[in-house]
């Protein structure tokens, strides 16, 4: 399960997006959130990757 943030981050001339996904820990079974700032073109690849 993952979600994209609605707002994009604007820094000078580059357009960046902050993506957040939930990752389940194999040891404890608890969910943690992993955040990353990247270009909008790379978001779907990053979310699909385990």
N, C-alpha and C. Protein backbone atom coordinates (compact mmCIF):
# COMPACT_ATOMS: atom_id res chain seq x y z
N UNK A 1 0.84 -1.18 0.00
CA UNK A 1 0.00 0.00 0.00
C UNK A 1 0.88 1.23 0.00
N UNK A 2 0.56 2.16 -0.86
CA UNK A 2 1.36 3.37 -0.95
C UNK A 2 0.45 4.51 -1.34
N UNK A 3 0.90 5.70 -1.05
CA UNK A 3 0.14 6.85 -1.47
C UNK A 3 1.08 7.93 -1.96
N UNK A 4 0.59 8.72 -2.88
CA UNK A 4 1.36 9.85 -3.37
C UNK A 4 0.83 11.10 -2.68
N UNK A 5 1.72 12.00 -2.36
CA UNK A 5 1.26 13.25 -1.80
C UNK A 5 0.70 14.12 -2.90
N UNK A 6 -0.26 14.94 -2.58
CA UNK A 6 -0.92 15.76 -3.57
C UNK A 6 -0.05 16.95 -3.95
N UNK A 7 0.61 17.53 -3.00
CA UNK A 7 1.39 18.74 -3.27
C UNK A 7 2.77 18.38 -3.80
N UNK A 8 3.23 19.17 -4.75
CA UNK A 8 4.59 19.01 -5.27
C UNK A 8 5.48 20.05 -4.60
N UNK A 9 6.72 19.70 -4.44
CA UNK A 9 7.68 20.61 -3.83
C UNK A 9 8.41 21.37 -4.94
N UNK A 10 8.40 22.68 -4.89
CA UNK A 10 9.04 23.49 -5.91
C UNK A 10 10.37 24.01 -5.36
N UNK A 11 11.47 23.70 -6.03
CA UNK A 11 12.77 24.23 -5.65
C UNK A 11 13.43 24.78 -6.91
N UNK A 12 13.58 26.06 -6.97
CA UNK A 12 14.13 26.80 -8.11
C UNK A 12 13.51 26.31 -9.42
N UNK A 13 14.28 25.67 -10.30
CA UNK A 13 13.73 25.27 -11.60
C UNK A 13 13.34 23.78 -11.64
N UNK A 14 13.68 23.01 -10.61
CA UNK A 14 13.35 21.59 -10.60
C UNK A 14 12.01 21.36 -9.90
N UNK A 15 11.23 20.43 -10.44
CA UNK A 15 9.95 20.06 -9.84
C UNK A 15 10.14 18.72 -9.15
N UNK A 16 9.89 18.67 -7.85
CA UNK A 16 10.10 17.46 -7.08
C UNK A 16 8.81 17.05 -6.37
N UNK A 17 8.66 15.76 -6.13
CA UNK A 17 7.50 15.23 -5.45
C UNK A 17 7.97 14.38 -4.28
N UNK A 18 7.27 14.48 -3.17
CA UNK A 18 7.57 13.66 -1.99
C UNK A 18 6.61 12.48 -2.00
N UNK A 19 7.16 11.27 -2.03
CA UNK A 19 6.35 10.05 -2.04
C UNK A 19 6.53 9.31 -0.73
N UNK A 20 5.43 8.73 -0.24
CA UNK A 20 5.43 8.01 1.03
C UNK A 20 4.81 6.63 0.80
N UNK A 21 5.47 5.57 1.29
CA UNK A 21 4.87 4.24 1.20
C UNK A 21 5.02 3.50 2.52
N UNK A 22 4.10 2.58 2.77
CA UNK A 22 4.14 1.75 3.97
C UNK A 22 4.89 0.47 3.66
N UNK A 23 5.81 0.09 4.55
CA UNK A 23 6.59 -1.12 4.38
C UNK A 23 6.41 -1.96 5.63
N UNK A 24 6.08 -3.24 5.43
CA UNK A 24 5.89 -4.14 6.57
C UNK A 24 7.22 -4.79 6.94
N UNK A 25 7.55 -4.75 8.20
CA UNK A 25 8.78 -5.35 8.70
C UNK A 25 8.64 -6.87 8.73
N UNK A 26 9.59 -7.61 8.16
CA UNK A 26 9.48 -9.07 8.18
C UNK A 26 9.66 -9.66 9.59
N UNK A 27 10.40 -8.99 10.46
CA UNK A 27 10.65 -9.51 11.80
C UNK A 27 9.47 -9.31 12.73
N UNK A 28 9.01 -8.08 12.86
CA UNK A 28 7.97 -7.79 13.86
C UNK A 28 6.57 -7.72 13.27
N UNK A 29 6.47 -7.53 11.96
CA UNK A 29 5.16 -7.42 11.33
C UNK A 29 4.57 -6.02 11.42
N UNK A 30 5.30 -5.10 12.01
CA UNK A 30 4.83 -3.72 12.15
C UNK A 30 5.07 -2.96 10.84
N UNK A 31 4.25 -1.98 10.59
CA UNK A 31 4.39 -1.15 9.40
C UNK A 31 5.18 0.10 9.72
N UNK A 32 6.06 0.48 8.80
CA UNK A 32 6.79 1.73 8.91
C UNK A 32 6.58 2.52 7.62
N UNK A 33 6.79 3.81 7.69
CA UNK A 33 6.64 4.67 6.54
C UNK A 33 8.00 5.06 6.00
N UNK A 34 8.17 4.95 4.68
CA UNK A 34 9.41 5.32 4.03
C UNK A 34 9.09 6.51 3.12
N UNK A 35 9.85 7.59 3.28
CA UNK A 35 9.63 8.80 2.50
C UNK A 35 10.82 9.04 1.59
N UNK A 36 10.54 9.63 0.42
CA UNK A 36 11.59 9.97 -0.51
C UNK A 36 11.14 11.15 -1.37
N UNK A 37 12.07 12.04 -1.69
CA UNK A 37 11.79 13.17 -2.57
C UNK A 37 12.47 12.89 -3.90
N UNK A 38 11.68 12.95 -4.99
CA UNK A 38 12.20 12.60 -6.31
C UNK A 38 11.41 13.33 -7.39
N UNK A 39 11.83 13.16 -8.62
CA UNK A 39 11.09 13.75 -9.73
C UNK A 39 9.80 12.96 -9.94
N UNK A 40 8.75 13.61 -10.44
CA UNK A 40 7.46 12.93 -10.60
C UNK A 40 7.51 11.70 -11.51
N UNK A 41 8.43 11.66 -12.46
CA UNK A 41 8.53 10.53 -13.38
C UNK A 41 8.97 9.25 -12.68
N UNK A 42 9.70 9.36 -11.59
CA UNK A 42 10.25 8.18 -10.91
C UNK A 42 9.36 7.64 -9.80
N UNK A 43 8.27 8.33 -9.48
CA UNK A 43 7.44 7.94 -8.33
C UNK A 43 6.83 6.56 -8.51
N UNK A 44 6.22 6.28 -9.66
CA UNK A 44 5.56 4.98 -9.85
C UNK A 44 6.55 3.83 -9.79
N UNK A 45 7.77 4.01 -10.31
CA UNK A 45 8.79 2.96 -10.24
C UNK A 45 9.19 2.70 -8.79
N UNK A 46 9.35 3.79 -8.02
CA UNK A 46 9.79 3.66 -6.62
C UNK A 46 8.72 2.97 -5.79
N UNK A 47 7.44 3.28 -6.03
CA UNK A 47 6.36 2.68 -5.28
C UNK A 47 6.23 1.19 -5.62
N UNK A 48 6.42 0.83 -6.89
CA UNK A 48 6.29 -0.56 -7.30
C UNK A 48 7.43 -1.44 -6.78
N UNK A 49 8.57 -0.84 -6.52
CA UNK A 49 9.74 -1.59 -6.04
C UNK A 49 9.54 -2.00 -4.59
N UNK A 50 9.95 -3.22 -4.24
CA UNK A 50 9.84 -3.69 -2.85
C UNK A 50 11.06 -3.37 -2.05
